[in-house]
Protein backbone atom coordinates (compact mmCIF):
# COMPACT_ATOMS: atom_id res chain seq x y z
CA MET A 1 135.82 113.39 90.53
CA ARG A 2 132.52 113.60 92.52
CA GLY A 3 129.39 112.59 90.94
CA PRO A 4 126.06 114.50 91.02
CA VAL A 5 124.41 115.10 94.57
CA PHE A 6 120.73 115.03 94.73
CA ASP A 7 118.54 116.46 97.41
CA MET A 8 116.47 113.62 98.91
CA PRO A 9 113.34 113.94 101.01
CA ALA A 10 114.16 113.16 104.64
CA SER A 11 110.60 111.87 105.25
CA PRO A 12 107.98 110.20 103.05
CA SER A 13 105.10 112.24 101.62
CA GLY A 14 102.62 113.32 104.38
CA TRP A 15 105.05 112.66 107.12
CA GLU A 16 106.88 115.95 107.20
CA GLU A 17 105.28 117.06 110.43
CA SER A 18 105.35 113.78 112.17
CA SER A 19 107.50 113.19 115.27
CA THR A 20 107.91 109.37 114.44
CA GLN A 21 111.59 108.36 114.22
CA LEU A 22 111.95 106.77 110.79
CA ALA A 23 115.10 104.98 109.38
CA ARG A 24 115.74 105.70 105.73
CA ILE A 25 117.47 103.28 103.29
CA ILE A 26 118.75 104.50 99.91
CA ASP A 27 119.45 102.83 96.65
CA PRO A 28 123.17 102.90 95.99
CA LEU A 29 122.57 104.98 92.80
CA GLY A 30 120.21 107.35 94.54
CA GLU A 31 117.19 106.27 92.33
CA ALA A 32 114.96 104.98 95.29
CA MET A 33 114.52 105.24 99.01
CA ALA A 34 112.27 103.65 101.73
CA TRP A 35 111.48 104.52 105.36
CA PHE A 36 110.84 102.14 108.25
CA ALA A 37 109.66 102.40 111.93
CA SER A 38 110.81 99.57 114.09
CA GLU A 39 108.89 100.67 117.15
CA PHE A 40 105.62 100.39 115.26
CA GLY A 41 105.39 96.95 113.90
CA GLY A 42 108.36 97.21 111.77
CA ARG A 43 106.17 99.10 109.27
CA CYS A 44 107.24 100.65 106.07
CA ASP A 45 106.10 104.25 105.91
CA GLY A 46 107.13 104.92 102.39
CA TYR A 47 109.03 103.81 99.33
CA ALA A 48 109.63 106.18 96.41
CA VAL A 49 111.56 106.10 93.16
CA ARG A 50 113.05 108.91 91.12
CA ARG A 51 111.01 109.80 88.16
CA ALA A 52 112.74 108.79 84.86
CA GLY A 53 115.07 111.51 83.60
CA ASP A 54 114.19 113.89 86.50
CA HIS A 55 117.09 114.93 88.73
CA ALA A 56 115.54 118.12 89.99
CA ARG A 57 116.21 118.97 93.62
CA VAL A 58 112.52 118.97 94.58
CA ARG A 59 110.13 116.46 96.03
CA HIS A 60 107.92 116.34 92.87
CA ALA A 61 110.97 114.54 91.22
CA TRP A 62 109.96 111.50 93.23
CA ARG A 63 107.12 109.00 92.65
CA ASP A 64 105.45 107.39 95.60
CA ILE A 65 105.01 103.58 95.39
CA ILE A 66 104.29 102.63 99.12
CA VAL A 67 102.34 105.01 101.14
CA GLY A 68 100.87 104.73 104.49
CA SER A 69 99.64 106.47 107.68
CA MET A 70 99.02 105.69 111.34
CA SER A 71 95.60 104.52 110.61
CA MET A 72 96.62 102.37 107.53
CA PRO A 73 100.21 101.49 107.81
CA SER A 74 102.26 99.14 105.55
CA ALA A 75 103.45 96.61 108.12
CA VAL A 76 104.10 92.85 108.98
CA ILE A 77 100.87 91.55 110.90
CA ARG A 78 99.62 88.34 112.20
CA GLU A 79 96.04 86.98 112.35
CA ASP A 80 95.90 87.47 116.16
CA ASP A 81 97.34 91.12 115.90
CA ALA A 82 93.96 92.50 114.80
CA GLY A 83 92.68 95.15 117.18
CA THR A 84 95.91 95.17 119.26
CA PRO A 85 98.67 97.80 119.50
CA PRO A 86 101.48 97.24 117.01
CA SER A 87 104.34 95.19 118.35
CA ARG A 88 107.71 96.80 118.91
CA TRP A 89 110.40 95.50 116.62
CA ARG A 90 114.07 96.44 116.97
CA PHE A 91 116.85 97.27 114.44
CA VAL A 92 119.49 94.58 114.32
CA GLU A 93 121.66 95.75 111.45
CA ARG A 94 121.51 98.80 109.25
CA ASP A 95 123.52 100.21 106.43
CA PRO A 96 122.73 102.95 103.83
CA ALA A 97 120.97 100.41 101.46
CA SER A 98 119.38 97.94 103.87
CA CYS A 99 118.09 97.29 107.31
CA THR A 100 117.19 94.24 109.43
CA MET A 101 114.59 94.19 112.20
CA ASP A 102 113.53 91.50 114.55
CA TRP A 103 110.79 90.66 117.05
CA MET A 104 110.16 88.03 119.74
CA PRO A 105 106.60 88.13 121.12
CA GLN A 106 105.84 87.75 124.69
CA GLY A 107 104.16 84.43 125.82
CA PRO A 108 104.68 80.69 125.94
CA GLN A 109 105.36 80.25 122.29
CA ALA A 110 109.01 80.54 121.24
CA GLU A 111 108.83 82.25 117.90
CA TYR A 112 111.42 84.60 116.35
CA TRP A 113 110.63 86.99 113.55
CA ARG A 114 113.08 88.83 111.27
CA MET A 115 112.46 91.24 108.45
CA THR A 116 115.19 92.40 106.11
CA ALA A 117 114.57 95.29 103.70
CA SER A 118 116.91 96.33 100.96
CA ILE A 119 117.07 98.48 97.89
CA ASN A 120 119.17 97.85 94.78
CA ASP A 121 118.50 99.11 91.20
CA ALA A 122 115.53 100.93 92.58
CA GLN A 123 113.92 97.71 93.58
CA LEU A 124 112.72 97.22 97.23
CA SER A 125 112.90 93.77 98.63
CA LEU A 126 111.23 92.66 101.81
CA ALA A 127 112.06 89.22 103.32
CA ILE A 128 110.29 87.88 106.41
CA ARG A 129 111.41 84.80 108.23
CA VAL A 130 109.62 83.17 111.19
CA GLU A 131 111.49 80.49 113.19
CA SER A 132 110.15 78.18 115.98
CA SER A 133 112.86 78.19 118.67
CA GLY A 134 111.00 76.37 121.33
CA ALA A 135 110.24 72.59 122.07
CA THR A 136 106.72 72.63 120.73
CA PRO A 137 105.30 73.51 117.31
CA ILE A 138 103.76 76.95 116.69
CA GLN A 139 100.88 77.84 114.52
CA THR A 140 101.15 81.26 112.97
CA ASP A 141 100.89 82.99 109.65
CA ILE A 142 102.91 85.69 108.07
CA ARG A 143 100.99 88.52 106.45
CA LEU A 144 102.49 91.70 104.89
CA ARG A 145 100.22 94.53 104.24
CA LEU A 146 101.45 97.20 101.68
CA VAL A 147 99.53 100.32 100.92
CA LEU A 148 100.36 101.16 97.31
CA ALA A 149 99.76 104.45 95.49
CA SER A 150 98.82 102.73 92.25
CA LEU A 151 97.79 99.20 91.27
CA PRO A 152 100.50 96.62 90.31
CA ASP A 153 100.42 95.86 86.55
CA VAL A 154 102.11 92.54 87.03
CA ILE A 155 101.87 90.16 89.95
CA ARG A 156 104.19 87.10 89.80
CA SER A 157 104.49 84.14 91.97
CA ARG A 158 105.36 80.48 91.36
CA SER A 159 102.02 79.52 92.95
CA SER A 160 100.23 82.65 94.44
CA VAL A 161 96.51 82.53 94.59
CA LEU A 162 95.27 85.85 93.30
CA SER A 163 92.02 87.34 94.68
CA GLN A 164 89.18 87.78 92.23
CA ASP A 165 89.17 91.38 93.44
CA VAL A 166 92.43 92.08 91.48
CA GLU A 167 90.57 92.27 88.12
CA MET A 168 87.96 94.57 89.77
CA CYS A 169 90.82 96.67 91.05
CA ARG A 170 92.34 96.87 87.68
CA ASP A 171 89.20 98.49 86.30
CA TYR A 172 89.07 100.87 89.37
CA GLY A 173 92.60 101.91 88.92
CA MET A 174 92.11 102.83 85.27
CA THR A 175 89.23 105.08 86.08
CA VAL A 176 90.50 106.68 89.29
CA ARG A 177 93.98 107.69 88.22
CA GLU A 178 96.15 107.82 85.22
CA GLN A 179 97.97 104.49 84.84
CA GLN A 180 101.66 105.84 84.92
CA ALA A 181 104.68 103.58 84.77
CA GLY A 182 103.73 100.11 86.07
CA ILE A 183 104.67 98.26 89.24
CA ASP A 184 105.79 94.65 89.31
CA LEU A 185 105.17 92.59 92.50
CA ILE A 186 107.01 89.40 92.82
CA VAL A 187 106.05 87.05 95.78
CA LYS A 188 107.84 83.96 97.03
CA SER A 189 107.04 81.90 100.17
CA SER A 190 107.79 78.48 101.69
CA PRO A 191 106.24 76.19 100.87
CA ASP A 192 105.20 77.45 97.41
CA THR A 193 101.78 78.82 98.38
CA SER A 194 100.63 82.30 99.08
CA THR A 195 97.67 84.58 98.65
CA VAL A 196 97.52 88.12 97.30
CA LEU A 197 94.47 90.32 98.10
CA ILE A 198 94.14 93.84 96.78
CA GLU A 199 91.38 96.11 97.74
CA PRO A 200 90.90 99.89 96.86
CA VAL A 201 90.74 102.12 99.88
CA GLY A 202 90.24 105.78 98.90
CA ASN A 203 92.88 106.70 96.34
CA GLU A 204 95.22 103.92 97.35
CA PHE A 205 95.30 100.04 97.16
CA VAL A 206 95.76 97.83 100.13
CA CYS A 207 97.65 94.76 99.07
CA THR A 208 97.76 91.99 101.74
CA ILE A 209 100.18 89.09 101.04
CA THR A 210 99.81 85.91 103.12
CA ASP A 211 102.13 82.92 103.24
CA HIS A 212 99.33 80.39 102.77
CA GLN A 213 95.98 80.09 100.99
CA ALA A 214 93.20 82.20 102.46
CA GLN A 215 90.88 79.09 103.10
CA ASP A 216 93.66 77.08 105.01
CA ALA A 217 94.40 77.30 108.68
CA PRO A 218 97.53 79.07 109.64
CA PRO A 219 100.58 76.86 109.02
CA VAL A 220 102.29 74.94 111.76
CA ILE A 221 106.09 75.37 112.23
CA ARG A 222 107.85 72.48 113.89
CA PRO A 223 110.59 73.01 116.46
CA ASP A 224 113.75 74.29 114.76
CA GLY A 225 111.76 74.90 111.66
CA PHE A 226 110.91 78.13 109.80
CA ARG A 227 108.75 79.68 107.03
CA TYR A 228 109.42 82.69 105.01
CA LEU A 229 107.71 85.14 102.72
CA SER A 230 109.54 87.57 100.37
CA VAL A 231 108.19 90.36 98.26
CA GLN A 232 109.91 92.42 95.59
CA ILE A 233 108.54 95.66 94.28
CA ASN A 234 109.86 97.02 91.15
CA ALA A 235 108.59 100.19 89.73
CA ARG A 236 109.00 100.33 85.80
């Protein structure tokens, strides 16, 4: 016996007229979906979850969690990427509920970047790994910028340094929009240190997650070594 079939948006909110080719991944139960553009910095152009109890075949049945635009994308960035065109990633693997993208920058440093995105139980997981594949150490940082439609209620990490702006943003969020169902943000990195910075921009919140503390220099990765940063977003 076939289960119910739900109409799902083919593109994230605001991207209906865009010519950008997006890859969509879908939660196995049809409760969430996300879109990615590998040719534009491996960015995440949207993540939406189905509103509780709403199985209508219309777009308003979906709640936007990650939003973005060409001017303010959700993407993997590096400190020396500022002011430069987005790097072109490529899809390595893809199935209905996950996708893997990688990138090897041009230049003398031998570094290899890989990001895996997956959705399960309506939770979006983003895992970024950077390897040093050359004969000399590399110095680089991992930064993930997420443009959120609402402020996370809970930010959890074993040792994250949370910006003082977070509390200011909480007050801002309560006055700008109704505080709907919450968002949990779970951050892990190696070693156990990271920084979470949240800033209000218009009606959205730009959340920048870095694999080291803001006051420290970018980490050094020794030959054959690696670092990783993972983020889980759970809309409650």
